[in-house]
Every structure is written in structure tokens, then in C-alpha cells.
Protein backbone atom coordinates (compact mmCIF):
# COMPACT_ATOMS: atom_id res chain seq x y z
CA MET A 1 146.18 -37.62 213.59
CA ARG A 2 143.03 -35.74 212.58
CA ILE A 3 144.62 -32.90 210.71
CA ASP A 4 146.39 -35.35 208.57
CA LYS A 5 143.19 -36.63 207.37
CA ARG A 6 141.60 -33.37 206.97
CA ILE A 7 144.34 -31.98 204.71
CA ASP A 8 144.38 -35.46 202.58
CA ARG A 9 140.63 -35.14 202.25
CA SER A 10 141.17 -31.77 201.00
CA LEU A 11 143.68 -32.36 198.50
CA SER A 12 141.80 -35.51 197.05
CA ARG A 13 138.90 -32.91 196.80
CA LEU A 14 140.81 -30.20 195.28
CA ASN A 15 142.52 -32.93 192.64
CA GLY A 16 139.44 -34.62 192.18
CA PRO A 17 137.86 -35.17 188.44
CA VAL A 18 134.91 -33.04 187.34
CA SER A 19 132.23 -34.94 189.04
CA VAL A 20 133.51 -33.86 192.71
CA ARG A 21 132.31 -30.63 194.01
CA GLY A 22 135.14 -28.56 195.14
CA SER A 23 137.52 -29.79 192.71
CA ILE A 24 139.86 -27.29 190.65
CA ALA A 25 138.34 -29.67 187.55
CA ARG A 26 134.97 -28.86 188.23
CA LEU A 27 135.53 -25.31 188.80
CA GLN A 28 137.51 -25.09 185.72
CA GLN A 29 134.70 -26.44 183.51
CA ARG A 30 132.18 -23.72 185.25
CA VAL A 31 134.68 -21.10 184.02
CA ASP A 32 134.84 -22.78 180.53
CA ASN A 33 131.11 -22.83 180.35
CA ALA A 34 130.60 -19.31 181.11
CA LYS A 35 133.01 -18.23 178.75
CA ALA A 36 131.03 -20.03 176.31
CA ALA A 37 127.71 -18.89 177.36
CA GLY A 38 129.41 -15.09 176.97
CA HIS A 39 128.88 -14.28 180.90
CA GLY A 40 131.89 -11.98 181.34
CA ALA A 41 131.16 -10.97 184.86
CA ILE A 42 130.69 -14.44 186.10
CA GLU A 43 133.78 -16.05 184.12
CA THR A 44 135.71 -13.24 185.93
CA TYR A 45 134.24 -14.09 189.43
CA LEU A 46 135.07 -17.88 188.95
CA LYS A 47 138.51 -17.11 187.40
CA GLY A 48 139.22 -15.68 190.84
CA ARG A 49 137.89 -18.41 193.00
CA LEU A 50 139.91 -20.88 190.66
CA ALA A 51 143.13 -19.10 191.24
CA TYR A 52 142.73 -19.14 194.75
CA ARG A 53 141.74 -22.91 194.72
CA LYS A 54 144.96 -23.68 192.72
CA SER A 55 147.08 -21.93 195.25
CA LEU A 56 145.56 -23.83 198.00
CA VAL A 57 147.36 -27.48 196.77
CA PRO A 58 150.90 -26.30 197.18
CA THR A 59 150.05 -24.86 200.52
CA LEU A 60 148.30 -27.75 201.82
CA GLU A 61 151.10 -30.47 200.31
CA GLN A 62 153.45 -27.89 202.35
CA ARG A 63 151.65 -28.00 205.56
CA SER A 64 151.37 -31.95 205.26
CA LYS A 65 154.99 -32.20 205.04
CA ASP A 66 155.65 -29.61 208.07
CA LEU A 67 152.92 -31.74 210.19
CA ALA A 68 155.19 -35.22 209.27
CA LYS A 69 158.10 -33.42 210.37
CA VAL A 70 156.58 -32.19 213.67
CA SER A 71 155.11 -35.62 214.18
CA ASP A 72 158.48 -37.38 213.72
CA TRP A 73 160.06 -34.78 216.24
CA CYS A 74 157.30 -35.15 219.06
CA GLY A 75 157.64 -39.00 219.05
CA PRO A 76 160.84 -39.17 220.91
CA ASN A 77 160.27 -36.05 222.84
CA PRO A 78 158.38 -35.37 225.91
CA THR A 79 155.66 -33.16 226.46
CA ALA A 80 156.09 -30.27 228.44
CA ASP A 81 154.53 -31.96 231.99
CA GLY A 82 157.02 -34.97 231.01
CA ALA A 83 154.42 -37.23 229.30
CA THR A 84 155.15 -39.01 226.00
CA PRO A 85 152.14 -38.02 223.48
């Protein structure tokens, strides 16, 4: 399904290495660079983004599991109009 692919793509991006745009590792490196440069305001801003990005991982993993359960249920059950998906 398309939503499965989107979740998988998002998780692989978030868990990617420093070279991947949008990854947690890349944002962590930016936080470290801001701290080393003495940019406190930028560091605080980036830490907030990092906390949110880290919180996305368990949410997306749970959604993926839930979606698999729904898919398993929908397979043998017909839709409202009597057709099978």
C-alpha cells in the first residue's frame, strides 16, 4: 500500500546517517556544531526540532504495526458494498 511505503521511507530517512537530509543524526550534528560555535539560541531551536523528530520514530513504528493489523483484517472481510478489497 502507498501509506506503508510512506511510513517506511520516513523511518529510513529519520534513522539514516549524517549524510541523509532529514535524519536524526544530521540534526544532532547541527546541534553539536551550534553548541561548539557558541550559538545558544540556534542550539535551543535545533534541540526542540531534534526532540520532535526523535518522537516521530516510535509513533511511525506504531502506526506501521497498526496498519499491518488493519490490512490483515481487511483481507478476509468484505467492504460495505459487498466487494472484497
